[in-house]
């Protein structure tokens, strides 16, 4: 298979809107509830932790599987570089899914995490650890997501070095995640960003 076909497949995989599909199964359009974001966080807040957890798993796998499965079946001289390209395509599909006809998808946190679990597992685990620790301290998902996004390139830098293409990509993805959280940052400045609470269910929270 030509690597360009792999990029297309990775993008299409990333474009699968698991949050939207989960909401439709419950008779809801998540774009009209909570924050309106088609990510795992909004799915947890609106649909509950079980369904939200399934959405998180799906969003993670659509980043992880392309970087693991596509390089072995592509005809490429540098499968490591193409694996990065597949990961970027999956994240692009999640944020800008073709199936939603120009509408925004999620913010790329779970899918980006899946990509880096496949490309640089140690850096991915470090970013996940930062996310969980920050979430435990602040109980604000957006703060934890931004902290993880900033920790990821630092972890890749320490592991692979500044000359690694993976560092440049991780830095770009981290900045993209921070950029996608502009509304959350604005609410944080106003002191309006909600915290997670036990028993999150339909209508809980706004992020």
Protein backbone atom coordinates (compact mmCIF):
# COMPACT_ATOMS: atom_id res chain seq x y z
CA UNK A 1 0.00 0.00 0.00
CA UNK A 2 1.28 3.44 -0.88
CA UNK A 3 1.97 5.60 2.22
CA UNK A 4 -0.34 8.32 0.90
CA UNK A 5 -3.21 5.84 1.07
CA UNK A 6 -2.21 5.17 4.67
CA UNK A 7 -2.41 8.89 5.44
CA UNK A 8 -5.92 8.99 3.97
CA UNK A 9 -7.00 5.94 5.97
CA UNK A 10 -5.57 7.44 9.17
CA UNK A 11 -7.45 10.68 8.53
CA UNK A 12 -10.70 8.81 7.90
CA UNK A 13 -10.19 6.79 11.08
CA UNK A 14 -9.58 9.98 13.04
CA UNK A 15 -12.73 11.49 11.55
CA UNK A 16 -15.03 8.91 13.15
CA UNK A 17 -17.06 11.05 15.63
CA UNK A 18 -17.48 8.60 18.50
CA UNK A 19 -18.91 11.29 20.79
CA UNK A 20 -21.54 12.24 18.24
CA UNK A 21 -22.45 8.61 17.62
CA UNK A 22 -22.70 7.89 21.35
CA UNK A 23 -24.96 10.87 21.81
CA UNK A 24 -27.18 9.86 18.92
CA UNK A 25 -27.63 6.44 20.54
CA UNK A 26 -29.05 8.27 23.55
CA UNK A 27 -31.18 10.56 21.43
CA UNK A 28 -28.91 13.57 21.94
CA UNK A 29 -26.74 15.69 19.70
CA UNK A 30 -23.71 16.55 21.84
CA UNK A 31 -23.14 19.63 19.71
CA UNK A 32 -26.25 21.04 21.39
CA UNK A 33 -25.48 19.99 24.97
CA UNK A 34 -22.80 20.82 27.48
CA UNK A 35 -19.96 22.67 25.82
CA UNK A 36 -21.00 21.47 22.36
CA UNK A 37 -17.59 19.86 21.93
CA UNK A 38 -17.39 16.39 20.38
CA UNK A 39 -14.79 15.05 22.76
CA UNK A 40 -14.67 12.56 25.61
CA UNK A 41 -14.94 15.24 28.31
CA UNK A 42 -18.26 16.54 27.05
CA UNK A 43 -19.44 12.97 26.58
CA UNK A 44 -18.64 12.19 30.22
CA UNK A 45 -20.43 15.31 31.45
CA UNK A 46 -23.54 14.86 29.32
CA UNK A 47 -23.82 11.08 28.89
CA UNK A 48 -22.13 9.87 32.07
CA UNK A 49 -18.78 8.27 32.90
CA UNK A 50 -19.47 4.84 31.37
CA UNK A 51 -20.44 6.05 27.91
CA UNK A 52 -17.88 8.85 28.15
CA UNK A 53 -15.22 6.27 28.96
CA UNK A 54 -16.15 4.30 25.85
CA UNK A 55 -15.87 7.49 23.80
CA UNK A 56 -12.45 8.16 25.32
CA UNK A 57 -11.31 4.64 24.44
CA UNK A 58 -12.56 5.00 20.88
CA UNK A 59 -10.87 8.38 20.43
CA UNK A 60 -7.62 6.96 21.84
CA UNK A 61 -7.68 3.89 19.61
CA UNK A 62 -8.25 5.89 16.44
CA UNK A 63 -4.93 7.58 17.16
CA UNK A 64 -3.08 4.49 18.37
CA UNK A 65 -4.09 1.93 15.74
CA UNK A 66 -3.02 3.87 12.62
CA UNK A 67 0.53 4.39 13.90
CA UNK A 68 0.81 0.71 14.87
CA UNK A 69 -0.95 -1.02 11.98
CA UNK A 70 -0.28 1.12 8.92
CA UNK A 71 3.56 1.35 8.81
CA UNK A 72 4.07 -2.43 8.34
CA UNK A 73 1.76 -2.52 5.32
CA UNK A 74 3.02 0.59 3.52
CA UNK A 75 5.81 0.68 0.94
CA UNK A 76 7.99 3.34 2.53
CA UNK A 77 11.73 3.74 3.05
CA UNK A 78 11.22 5.50 6.41
CA UNK A 79 8.28 3.82 8.17
CA UNK A 80 9.13 5.74 11.36
CA UNK A 81 8.49 9.07 9.64
CA UNK A 82 5.36 7.78 7.96
CA UNK A 83 4.10 6.58 11.34
CA UNK A 84 4.33 10.19 12.51
CA UNK A 85 2.45 11.29 9.39
CA UNK A 86 -0.28 8.75 10.09
CA UNK A 87 -0.59 10.03 13.64
CA UNK A 88 -0.84 13.64 12.53
CA UNK A 89 -3.49 12.66 9.98
CA UNK A 90 -5.53 10.87 12.67
CA UNK A 91 -5.42 13.93 14.93
CA UNK A 92 -6.37 16.19 12.03
CA UNK A 93 -9.32 13.92 11.32
CA UNK A 94 -10.47 14.13 14.93
CA UNK A 95 -10.25 17.93 15.06
CA UNK A 96 -11.51 18.52 11.50
CA UNK A 97 -13.57 15.43 10.63
CA UNK A 98 -14.65 15.07 7.03
CA UNK A 99 -17.86 13.34 8.11
CA UNK A 100 -19.12 16.50 9.82
CA UNK A 101 -18.94 18.60 6.63
CA UNK A 102 -16.64 21.35 7.83
CA UNK A 103 -17.77 21.40 11.47
CA UNK A 104 -15.23 21.05 14.27
CA UNK A 105 -14.75 17.80 16.09
CA UNK A 106 -12.92 17.34 19.40
CA UNK A 107 -9.80 19.04 20.72
CA UNK A 108 -7.42 16.18 20.02
CA UNK A 109 -6.40 15.25 23.56
CA UNK A 110 -7.44 11.59 23.61
CA UNK A 111 -6.51 10.95 19.97
CA UNK A 112 -3.16 12.69 20.43
CA UNK A 113 -2.56 10.56 23.50
CA UNK A 114 -3.23 7.43 21.49
CA UNK A 115 -0.82 8.57 18.79
CA UNK A 116 1.99 9.06 21.27
CA UNK A 117 1.30 5.83 23.11
CA UNK A 118 2.15 4.25 19.77
CA UNK A 119 5.05 6.50 18.76
CA UNK A 120 6.74 7.17 22.10
CA UNK A 121 5.05 5.18 24.83
CA UNK A 122 7.15 6.55 27.69
CA UNK A 123 6.42 10.17 26.75
CA UNK A 124 2.75 9.25 26.39
CA UNK A 125 2.71 7.72 29.88
CA UNK A 126 4.41 10.79 31.34
CA UNK A 127 1.84 13.08 29.72
CA UNK A 128 -0.96 10.84 31.03
CA UNK A 129 0.56 10.95 34.51
CA UNK A 130 0.70 14.75 34.37
CA UNK A 131 -2.93 14.81 33.24
CA UNK A 132 -4.10 12.58 36.10
CA UNK A 133 -2.10 14.41 38.77
CA UNK A 134 -3.27 17.82 37.57
CA UNK A 135 -6.85 16.62 37.39
CA UNK A 136 -6.64 15.27 40.94
CA UNK A 137 -5.29 18.60 42.20
CA UNK A 138 -7.55 20.98 40.26
CA UNK A 139 -10.57 18.87 39.24
CA UNK A 140 -10.60 20.90 36.02
CA UNK A 141 -10.27 18.79 32.88
CA UNK A 142 -9.13 21.66 30.67
CA UNK A 143 -6.27 22.54 33.02
CA UNK A 144 -5.19 18.89 33.11
CA UNK A 145 -5.39 18.65 29.30
CA UNK A 146 -3.27 21.78 28.81
CA UNK A 147 -0.72 20.57 31.37
CA UNK A 148 -0.44 17.22 29.59
CA UNK A 149 -0.14 18.92 26.20
CA UNK A 150 2.78 21.01 27.48
CA UNK A 151 4.40 18.07 29.27
CA UNK A 152 4.38 15.88 26.15
CA UNK A 153 7.05 17.74 24.10
CA UNK A 154 9.22 18.10 27.20
CA UNK A 155 9.06 14.34 27.75
CA UNK A 156 9.87 13.67 24.08
CA UNK A 157 12.74 16.17 24.28
CA UNK A 158 14.23 14.41 27.29
CA UNK A 159 13.82 10.97 25.70
CA UNK A 160 14.57 11.53 22.01
CA UNK A 161 16.40 14.89 21.91
CA UNK A 162 15.77 18.15 20.10
CA UNK A 163 16.83 16.80 16.70
CA UNK A 164 14.15 14.11 16.66
CA UNK A 165 11.27 14.78 14.22
CA UNK A 166 9.00 13.47 16.94
CA UNK A 167 9.93 16.41 19.17
CA UNK A 168 8.89 18.95 16.55
CA UNK A 169 5.62 17.11 15.98
CA UNK A 170 4.89 16.76 19.69
CA UNK A 171 5.54 20.48 20.18
CA UNK A 172 3.20 21.38 17.33
CA UNK A 173 0.48 19.04 18.62
CA UNK A 174 0.87 20.34 22.15
CA UNK A 175 0.46 23.92 20.96
CA UNK A 176 -2.55 22.89 18.86
CA UNK A 177 -4.22 21.40 21.93
CA UNK A 178 -3.57 24.57 23.93
CA UNK A 179 -4.93 26.67 21.04
CA UNK A 180 -8.06 24.53 20.90
CA UNK A 181 -8.67 25.30 24.59
CA UNK A 182 -8.95 29.07 24.06
CA UNK A 183 -12.58 29.20 25.28
CA UNK A 184 -11.61 27.21 28.37
CA UNK A 185 -8.69 29.54 29.07
CA UNK A 186 -11.03 32.52 28.81
CA UNK A 187 -13.40 30.90 31.33
CA UNK A 188 -10.49 30.12 33.63
CA UNK A 189 -9.51 33.77 33.63
CA UNK A 190 -13.07 34.71 34.57
CA UNK A 191 -13.22 32.00 37.21
CA UNK A 192 -16.08 30.30 35.37
CA UNK A 193 -14.50 27.02 34.30
CA UNK A 194 -16.44 24.22 36.06
CA UNK A 195 -14.80 21.47 38.05
CA UNK A 196 -15.66 17.81 37.71
CA UNK A 197 -17.79 16.30 40.40
CA UNK A 198 -18.85 12.82 41.34
CA UNK A 199 -21.87 11.39 39.62
CA UNK A 200 -21.39 13.41 36.45
CA UNK A 201 -24.28 12.77 34.19
CA UNK A 202 -26.61 14.45 31.78
CA UNK A 203 -26.28 18.19 31.94
CA UNK A 204 -23.32 18.18 34.33
CA UNK A 205 -20.80 20.87 33.58
CA UNK A 206 -20.24 22.96 30.51
CA UNK A 207 -16.84 21.95 29.12
